[in-house]
Protein backbone atom coordinates (compact mmCIF):
# COMPACT_ATOMS: atom_id res chain seq x y z
CA MET A 1 -23.57 6.27 15.52
CA ASP A 2 -24.43 3.25 17.69
CA ASN A 3 -21.85 4.36 20.27
CA GLY A 4 -22.77 8.03 20.22
CA GLU A 5 -19.65 9.30 18.49
CA LEU A 6 -21.54 11.45 15.95
CA GLY A 7 -23.40 14.50 17.18
CA PRO A 8 -27.00 15.42 16.37
CA ASP A 9 -25.89 17.94 13.74
CA PHE A 10 -23.87 15.41 11.75
CA ALA A 11 -24.98 15.20 8.11
CA VAL A 12 -23.75 13.69 4.86
CA VAL A 13 -24.03 15.45 1.52
CA VAL A 14 -23.44 13.23 -1.51
CA THR A 15 -22.55 15.00 -4.76
CA GLY A 16 -22.57 13.62 -8.27
CA VAL A 17 -23.39 14.51 -11.85
CA GLU A 18 -26.41 12.17 -11.97
CA PRO A 19 -29.87 13.76 -11.56
CA LEU A 20 -30.93 11.85 -8.43
CA SER A 21 -33.58 12.71 -5.89
CA VAL A 22 -32.72 12.50 -2.19
CA GLU A 23 -34.97 9.44 -1.90
CA SER A 24 -33.24 7.69 -4.83
CA CYS A 25 -29.82 8.46 -3.36
CA ARG A 26 -30.82 7.09 0.04
CA ASP A 27 -32.32 3.98 -1.55
CA LEU A 28 -29.12 3.34 -3.53
CA LEU A 29 -26.90 3.80 -0.48
CA GLY A 30 -29.27 1.75 1.66
CA ARG A 31 -28.82 -1.23 -0.66
CA GLU A 32 -25.05 -0.82 -0.47
CA LEU A 33 -25.13 -0.63 3.32
CA SER A 34 -27.25 -3.78 3.54
CA VAL A 35 -24.50 -5.62 1.63
CA HIS A 36 -21.33 -4.05 3.03
CA ALA A 37 -22.55 -3.15 6.55
CA SER A 38 -24.90 -6.04 7.22
CA ASP A 39 -23.42 -6.47 10.70
CA VAL A 40 -24.61 -2.99 11.67
CA GLN A 41 -28.08 -2.85 13.21
CA SER A 42 -30.75 -1.90 10.68
CA ALA A 43 -31.98 0.91 12.94
CA VAL A 44 -28.50 2.44 12.92
CA ARG A 45 -28.28 2.18 9.13
CA GLU A 46 -31.69 3.82 8.79
CA ALA A 47 -30.71 6.63 11.15
CA LEU A 48 -27.62 7.31 9.01
CA LEU A 49 -29.64 7.29 5.79
CA ARG A 50 -31.98 9.94 7.20
CA ARG A 51 -28.97 12.26 7.57
CA ILE A 52 -28.01 11.93 3.88
CA SER A 53 -28.91 14.53 1.26
CA TYR A 54 -27.94 14.80 -2.40
CA LEU A 55 -26.60 17.68 -4.49
CA GLN A 56 -26.30 17.32 -8.24
CA ALA A 57 -23.03 19.04 -9.05
CA ASP A 58 -20.29 18.85 -11.65
CA VAL A 59 -17.02 19.75 -9.95
CA ARG A 60 -15.63 20.93 -13.27
CA ASP A 61 -17.82 23.98 -12.59
CA THR A 62 -15.98 26.13 -10.06
CA ALA A 63 -19.25 27.25 -8.46
CA ALA A 64 -20.67 23.74 -8.26
CA LEU A 65 -20.33 23.37 -4.49
CA GLN A 66 -21.84 26.67 -3.48
CA GLY A 67 -25.02 24.92 -2.35
CA ILE A 68 -23.42 22.61 0.20
CA GLY A 69 -23.19 25.17 2.96
CA MET A 70 -19.60 24.73 4.12
CA THR A 71 -19.59 27.50 6.73
CA GLU A 72 -19.75 24.75 9.37
CA PRO A 73 -16.80 22.32 9.73
CA VAL A 74 -16.91 19.91 6.79
CA LEU A 75 -15.00 16.76 5.87
CA ALA A 76 -14.78 16.71 2.07
CA TYR A 77 -13.85 13.27 0.75
CA VAL A 78 -12.68 13.68 -2.85
CA ALA A 79 -13.27 10.39 -4.69
CA THR A 80 -13.49 11.65 -8.25
CA PRO A 81 -11.50 10.28 -11.22
CA PRO A 82 -7.90 11.52 -10.92
CA GLU A 83 -8.18 13.81 -13.93
CA THR A 84 -10.92 15.84 -12.21
CA VAL A 85 -9.28 16.18 -8.78
CA PRO A 86 -7.73 19.61 -9.61
CA GLN A 87 -11.19 20.92 -10.62
CA ALA A 88 -12.73 19.46 -7.45
CA LEU A 89 -10.11 21.24 -5.33
CA ARG A 90 -10.77 24.52 -7.15
CA ALA A 91 -14.50 24.13 -6.47
CA LEU A 92 -13.79 23.47 -2.79
CA ALA A 93 -11.50 26.50 -2.63
CA TYR A 94 -14.16 28.69 -4.24
CA ALA A 95 -16.92 27.61 -1.86
CA PRO A 96 -17.07 29.62 1.38
CA ALA A 97 -15.72 27.17 3.93
CA SER A 98 -14.99 26.96 7.62
CA PRO A 99 -11.28 27.10 8.48
CA LEU A 100 -11.87 23.76 10.23
CA THR A 101 -12.80 22.07 6.96
CA ARG A 102 -10.68 19.01 6.08
CA ILE A 103 -10.15 17.51 2.63
CA VAL A 104 -9.36 13.83 2.13
CA LEU A 105 -7.57 12.95 -1.12
CA ASP A 106 -7.59 9.27 -2.02
CA LYS A 107 -5.32 7.59 -4.55
CA PRO A 108 -4.22 7.93 -7.25
CA PHE A 109 -2.66 11.30 -6.48
CA GLY A 110 -2.13 12.75 -9.94
CA LEU A 111 -1.68 10.93 -13.22
CA SER A 112 2.10 11.26 -13.35
CA ARG A 113 4.99 12.62 -11.31
CA LYS A 114 4.62 15.96 -13.06
CA SER A 115 0.89 16.23 -12.35
CA ALA A 116 1.40 15.11 -8.72
CA ARG A 117 3.93 17.93 -8.27
CA ALA A 118 1.52 20.42 -9.81
CA LEU A 119 -1.27 19.21 -7.53
CA ASN A 120 0.97 19.57 -4.48
CA ALA A 121 1.94 23.08 -5.54
CA TYR A 122 -1.72 24.09 -5.89
CA ILE A 123 -2.60 22.61 -2.50
CA ARG A 124 0.28 24.43 -0.78
CA ALA A 125 -0.81 27.73 -2.34
CA THR A 126 -4.52 27.31 -1.58
CA PHE A 127 -5.04 25.37 1.65
CA GLU A 128 -3.48 25.06 5.08
CA ALA A 129 -1.32 21.92 5.33
CA ARG A 130 -3.37 20.66 8.29
CA GLN A 131 -6.54 20.76 6.16
CA VAL A 132 -5.46 18.23 3.53
CA PHE A 133 -5.21 14.50 4.26
CA ARG A 134 -3.44 12.61 1.48
CA ILE A 135 -4.30 9.02 2.24
CA ASP A 136 -3.63 5.48 1.11
CA HIS A 137 -6.17 3.22 2.75
CA PHE A 138 -3.72 0.29 2.83
CA LEU A 139 -2.05 2.12 5.70
CA TYR A 140 -5.35 1.80 7.58
CA HIS A 141 -5.41 -2.01 7.49
CA HIS A 142 -5.14 -3.28 11.05
CA VAL A 143 -2.27 -5.68 10.23
CA VAL A 144 -0.29 -2.92 8.49
CA GLN A 145 -0.71 -0.61 11.47
CA GLU A 146 0.36 -3.41 13.81
CA LEU A 147 3.44 -4.00 11.65
CA LEU A 148 4.26 -0.31 11.94
CA ARG A 149 3.93 -0.49 15.72
CA TRP A 150 6.18 -3.56 15.83
CA ARG A 151 8.75 -1.73 13.77
CA VAL A 152 8.74 1.20 16.18
CA GLN A 153 8.76 -0.85 19.39
CA SER A 154 11.02 -3.83 18.69
CA ASP A 155 11.43 -4.11 14.88
CA PRO A 156 11.24 -7.83 14.10
CA LEU A 157 12.67 -7.11 10.64
CA CYS A 158 16.10 -6.66 12.19
CA LEU A 159 16.26 -10.47 11.88
CA VAL A 160 16.87 -9.88 8.17
CA ASP A 161 20.41 -8.94 9.18
CA LEU A 162 20.90 -12.52 10.41
CA LEU A 163 18.73 -14.62 8.11
CA PRO A 164 19.45 -15.28 4.41
CA VAL A 165 16.42 -13.47 2.93
CA GLU A 166 16.64 -13.81 -0.84
CA ARG A 167 13.42 -12.23 -2.01
CA VAL A 168 10.35 -10.46 -0.73
CA GLU A 169 7.01 -10.78 -2.52
CA ILE A 170 4.20 -8.31 -1.97
CA VAL A 171 1.09 -9.83 -3.49
CA TRP A 172 -2.46 -8.57 -3.91
CA GLU A 173 -4.47 -11.06 -5.97
CA GLU A 174 -8.26 -10.80 -6.12
CA THR A 175 -10.95 -13.06 -7.48
CA ARG A 176 -13.03 -10.02 -8.41
CA ALA A 177 -12.66 -9.02 -12.04
CA ALA A 178 -12.01 -5.45 -13.16
CA GLN A 179 -15.06 -3.41 -14.06
CA SER A 180 -15.72 -3.18 -17.78
CA ASP A 181 -18.99 -1.24 -17.63
CA GLY A 182 -17.61 2.24 -18.09
CA GLN A 183 -16.36 2.74 -14.54
CA SER A 184 -12.94 4.29 -14.23
CA TYR A 185 -10.17 1.68 -14.07
CA THR A 186 -6.68 2.82 -14.97
CA GLY A 187 -4.93 -0.55 -14.79
CA ALA A 188 -3.19 -2.57 -12.10
CA MET A 189 0.03 -0.55 -12.26
CA ARG A 190 -1.64 2.81 -11.65
CA ASP A 191 -4.48 1.49 -9.49
CA MET A 192 -2.54 -0.83 -7.18
CA VAL A 193 1.24 -0.78 -7.59
CA GLN A 194 1.83 3.00 -7.76
CA SER A 195 0.01 3.51 -4.50
CA HIS A 196 -0.89 0.52 -2.32
CA LEU A 197 1.89 -1.97 -3.01
CA LEU A 198 4.66 0.61 -2.98
CA GLN A 199 3.37 1.80 0.40
CA LEU A 200 3.67 -1.77 1.71
CA LEU A 201 7.17 -1.92 0.24
CA ALA A 202 8.07 1.28 2.08
CA VAL A 203 6.67 -0.07 5.36
CA VAL A 204 8.92 -3.13 4.99
CA THR A 205 12.14 -1.48 3.80
CA MET A 206 12.18 1.74 5.81
CA ASP A 207 14.45 2.17 8.80
CA SER A 208 12.65 1.82 12.12
CA PRO A 209 10.73 5.06 12.81
CA GLU A 210 11.58 6.80 16.04
CA SER A 211 7.93 7.05 17.07
CA MET A 212 4.37 6.46 15.95
CA THR A 213 3.90 10.12 15.06
CA ARG A 214 2.88 11.17 11.60
CA ALA A 215 6.15 13.09 11.10
CA ASP A 216 8.37 10.09 11.90
CA LEU A 217 6.28 7.52 9.99
CA ALA A 218 5.99 9.64 6.85
CA LYS A 219 9.68 10.62 6.97
CA SER A 220 10.73 6.97 7.19
CA ARG A 221 8.46 5.82 4.35
CA LEU A 222 9.58 8.67 2.10
CA ALA A 223 13.25 7.92 2.72
CA ALA A 224 12.61 4.28 1.79
CA LEU A 225 10.74 5.16 -1.42
CA ARG A 226 13.59 7.44 -2.49
CA ARG A 227 15.90 4.41 -2.41
CA VAL A 228 13.73 2.14 -4.55
CA SER A 229 14.48 1.55 -8.22
CA ALA A 230 13.51 -0.87 -10.92
CA ALA A 231 15.54 -4.08 -11.01
CA ALA A 232 18.48 -4.13 -13.42
CA ASP A 233 16.55 -6.63 -15.55
CA ALA A 234 13.34 -4.58 -15.27
CA GLU A 235 12.19 -5.41 -18.77
CA SER A 236 12.27 -9.17 -18.16
CA SER A 237 11.15 -9.02 -14.51
CA SER A 238 8.04 -6.97 -15.23
CA THR A 239 5.01 -8.48 -16.93
CA ARG A 240 1.45 -7.40 -17.57
CA GLY A 241 -1.72 -9.26 -18.44
CA ARG A 242 -5.43 -8.82 -19.04
CA HIS A 243 -8.38 -11.06 -18.23
CA VAL A 244 -10.80 -11.55 -21.12
CA GLY A 245 -13.96 -13.37 -20.17
CA ASP A 246 -13.96 -17.15 -19.99
CA SER A 247 -11.05 -18.08 -22.26
CA PRO A 248 -8.09 -16.56 -24.12
CA ALA A 249 -10.00 -17.28 -27.32
CA ALA A 250 -12.31 -14.43 -26.35
CA THR A 251 -9.63 -11.85 -27.17
CA SER A 252 -10.56 -8.92 -29.37
CA SER A 253 -9.32 -5.54 -30.47
CA LYS A 254 -11.10 -4.11 -27.42
CA ALA A 255 -9.10 -6.35 -25.09
CA ARG A 256 -5.86 -5.15 -26.65
CA SER A 257 -6.59 -1.53 -25.81
CA GLU A 258 -7.95 -2.06 -22.28
CA PRO A 259 -5.71 -1.54 -19.23
CA GLU A 260 -3.84 -4.42 -17.65
CA THR A 261 -5.44 -6.37 -14.81
CA LEU A 262 -2.22 -8.19 -13.81
CA VAL A 263 1.21 -6.75 -13.11
CA THR A 264 4.41 -8.32 -11.82
CA LEU A 265 7.22 -5.89 -11.12
CA GLY A 266 10.80 -6.50 -10.00
CA LEU A 267 12.36 -3.82 -7.80
CA ARG A 268 15.46 -3.22 -5.71
CA SER A 269 15.82 -1.27 -2.47
CA TRP A 270 19.13 0.40 -1.75
CA MET A 271 18.45 0.70 1.97
CA PRO A 272 21.50 -0.97 3.61
CA ARG A 273 19.56 -3.92 5.05
CA TRP A 274 17.89 -4.78 1.74
CA GLN A 275 20.55 -4.25 -0.94
CA ASP A 276 20.97 -7.97 -1.65
CA VAL A 277 17.25 -8.79 -1.65
CA HIS A 278 15.03 -9.01 -4.71
CA PHE A 279 11.55 -7.51 -4.40
CA PHE A 280 8.60 -8.63 -6.49
CA LEU A 281 5.27 -6.83 -6.46
CA ARG A 282 2.23 -8.48 -8.02
CA ALA A 283 -1.31 -7.19 -8.36
CA ALA A 284 -3.99 -9.14 -10.21
CA LYS A 285 -7.76 -9.25 -10.67
CA GLY A 286 -9.92 -12.13 -11.85
CA ILE A 287 -7.64 -14.75 -10.26
CA ALA A 288 -8.81 -18.16 -9.04
CA GLN A 289 -7.91 -17.53 -5.42
CA SER A 290 -7.49 -14.32 -3.44
CA ARG A 291 -4.10 -13.82 -1.81
CA ARG A 292 -3.03 -10.65 -0.05
CA CYS A 293 0.26 -10.96 1.75
CA ILE A 294 3.85 -9.96 2.31
CA GLN A 295 6.11 -13.01 1.95
CA PHE A 296 9.79 -13.34 2.83
CA ARG A 297 11.64 -16.19 1.09
CA PHE A 298 14.96 -17.51 2.34
CA ALA A 299 17.92 -18.64 0.29
CA GLN A 300 18.90 -22.34 0.21
CA ARG A 301 21.55 -23.20 2.77
CA SER A 302 22.52 -26.34 0.91
CA ARG A 303 21.81 -27.99 -2.43
CA GLY A 304 18.47 -29.72 -2.45
CA ALA A 305 17.19 -27.96 0.64
CA SER A 306 13.68 -26.58 0.30
CA LEU A 307 13.09 -22.87 0.49
CA GLY A 308 11.71 -21.53 3.74
CA TYR A 309 9.35 -18.61 3.99
CA VAL A 310 7.52 -16.32 6.37
CA ARG A 311 4.18 -14.97 5.17
CA LEU A 312 2.20 -12.16 6.75
CA GLY A 313 -1.45 -12.16 5.68
CA VAL A 314 -2.65 -8.56 5.41
CA LEU A 315 -6.38 -9.41 5.37
CA ALA A 316 -6.22 -12.91 6.89
CA ALA A 317 -4.36 -11.50 9.92
CA ASP A 318 -2.09 -14.53 10.17
CA LEU A 319 1.63 -15.25 10.27
CA VAL A 320 2.73 -18.45 8.54
CA ILE A 321 6.22 -19.96 8.84
CA GLY A 322 7.15 -22.97 6.76
CA ARG A 323 9.01 -24.64 3.90
CA GLU A 324 7.80 -25.22 0.36
CA ASP A 325 7.78 -29.02 0.67
CA ASP A 326 6.62 -29.29 4.27
CA SER A 327 3.82 -28.31 6.59
CA ALA A 328 3.74 -24.84 8.08
CA LEU A 329 3.09 -23.25 11.43
CA GLU A 330 0.27 -20.73 11.43
CA PHE A 331 -0.21 -18.05 14.07
CA CYS A 332 -3.39 -16.00 14.26
CA LEU A 333 -2.83 -12.32 14.93
CA PRO A 334 -5.16 -10.12 16.98
CA VAL A 335 -8.10 -9.12 14.81
CA ASP A 336 -9.83 -5.76 14.66
CA GLN A 337 -13.31 -5.95 13.13
CA GLU A 338 -13.19 -2.34 11.93
CA SER A 339 -12.66 -1.93 8.21
CA PRO A 340 -9.80 0.26 6.93
CA SER A 341 -12.38 2.72 5.59
CA THR A 342 -14.04 3.03 9.00
CA ARG A 343 -10.70 3.61 10.69
CA LEU A 344 -9.72 6.16 8.04
CA LEU A 345 -12.97 8.14 8.29
CA ARG A 346 -12.85 8.19 12.08
CA ASP A 347 -9.30 9.55 12.00
CA ALA A 348 -10.23 12.18 9.42
CA LEU A 349 -13.30 13.29 11.39
CA VAL A 350 -11.29 13.86 14.57
CA GLY A 351 -8.25 15.27 12.74
CA ASP A 352 -5.85 12.40 13.45
CA ASP A 353 -3.28 12.49 10.63
CA THR A 354 -0.96 9.76 11.98
CA PHE A 355 -1.16 7.55 8.88
CA THR A 356 -1.49 10.22 6.20
CA LEU A 357 1.12 10.63 3.47
CA ASP A 358 3.91 13.12 3.07
CA PRO A 359 3.19 15.23 -0.06
CA GLU A 360 6.30 13.80 -1.75
CA GLU A 361 5.38 10.13 -1.30
CA PRO A 362 3.06 10.01 -4.34
CA GLU A 363 5.68 11.85 -6.39
CA GLU A 364 8.32 9.24 -5.52
CA SER A 365 5.92 6.41 -6.32
CA TRP A 366 5.32 7.88 -9.77
CA ARG A 367 9.09 8.16 -10.26
CA ILE A 368 9.37 4.41 -9.75
CA VAL A 369 6.58 3.25 -12.06
CA GLU A 370 6.61 5.86 -14.84
CA PRO A 371 9.67 4.46 -16.67
CA ILE A 372 8.04 1.01 -16.82
CA LEU A 373 4.77 2.46 -18.11
CA GLN A 374 6.69 4.45 -20.70
CA THR A 375 8.62 1.37 -21.80
CA TRP A 376 5.37 -0.58 -22.21
CA ASP A 377 3.96 2.18 -24.42
CA GLU A 378 7.07 2.71 -26.51
CA THR A 379 7.99 -0.94 -27.10
CA ASP A 380 4.48 -2.39 -27.47
CA ALA A 381 5.23 -4.75 -24.60
CA PRO A 382 3.25 -8.00 -24.80
CA MET A 383 0.02 -8.32 -22.83
CA MET A 384 -0.57 -11.80 -21.41
CA ILE A 385 -4.18 -12.92 -21.81
CA TYR A 386 -5.91 -15.12 -19.24
CA PRO A 387 -9.48 -16.21 -18.54
CA VAL A 388 -11.25 -14.94 -15.45
CA GLY A 389 -10.76 -17.53 -12.71
CA ALA A 390 -7.37 -18.76 -13.90
CA SER A 391 -4.68 -19.55 -11.35
CA VAL A 392 -1.35 -17.73 -11.33
CA ALA A 393 0.40 -20.97 -12.35
CA GLU A 394 -1.96 -21.41 -15.30
CA ILE A 395 -1.37 -17.84 -16.43
CA ALA A 396 2.41 -18.24 -16.22
CA GLY A 397 2.22 -21.52 -18.11
CA SER A 398 -0.02 -20.39 -20.95
CA ARG A 399 1.87 -17.21 -21.94
CA THR A 400 -0.90 -16.31 -24.41
CA GLU A 401 0.03 -12.82 -25.53
CA LEU A 402 -1.32 -9.92 -27.53
CA ARG A 403 0.69 -7.21 -29.19
CA GLY A 404 -0.35 -4.10 -30.94
CA THR A 405 -3.37 -1.86 -30.56
């Protein structure tokens, strides 16, 4: 708004099942904006809040969205729990809408490969393909988009053909703990690995796209996902854990039934360049130190030599080259102050689908993780227990486990 991109008729309608007044909704969002958009001028935030209205609606009711008034072009951002996305789409289809309406579907797309296929089938039968934006907001991180551009223009990853890369680690560790106050959290595997981390894996392992068009980018990522499988020793190379307050002694029957907050998963890519490389994906919440990166580790050239690495910081926007027992060189990458969400919404508003997903990408991601989830359920796989604020080394060393429900 501060640069005049939004017209005078722009408005935001927030829907939810809670009985809120417009004033209460604006007050709630105003507090959120003061925290998460504090760098935006207060006058701009206030001007946006004045454009917000609220509609109490339960999308499980097909007629719930009749009151929105969708005869004008609308951007419908569906951010409901995954089990209610089909009902939300039916409500949108039932509401009289402009043919210019766009629908943004955030992750997770479906609850399984089967449900993702069913959702895709319904979308194909109900909406125009150009109307639906399947998105993964990790693809809207500035560093990820720069990596994609590098891969198209000069592909620095071709150096893998010359260097002895032994393993690649894709890590997303957060200090923030998982919500335990009734908010929907499906676990680190479904919440992070199935979508975000597998997208980063595809960006790394895909062949160089021919161009920065949506068709070429999505085709390359999909081809890479189709050639990913669990490591041969998947059972031993995959672990899960749960944070439980201040100490492992705080475990309870409730903790045993709650979803995992830590996952480590071993995978293999059968793309020609990566067949001899081990991939490890790790997502964790409630960790002592945040770390969000893609790290390439090199094999030892000689006995006793320290392992070298190259680390790309996704949020830190840095490139670090070093050895485990030595200092490292750090290079700062160009920084874009826009958040991924801002970039995503701007693209959706103007109809730029460059970084949206192919319909089959979520299906392939479910193919990869579903067997591990099924094994966990069928074998009562152990759940490591760790206190909020523990380091990864402390968690690996303690190995405090729970079994059974």
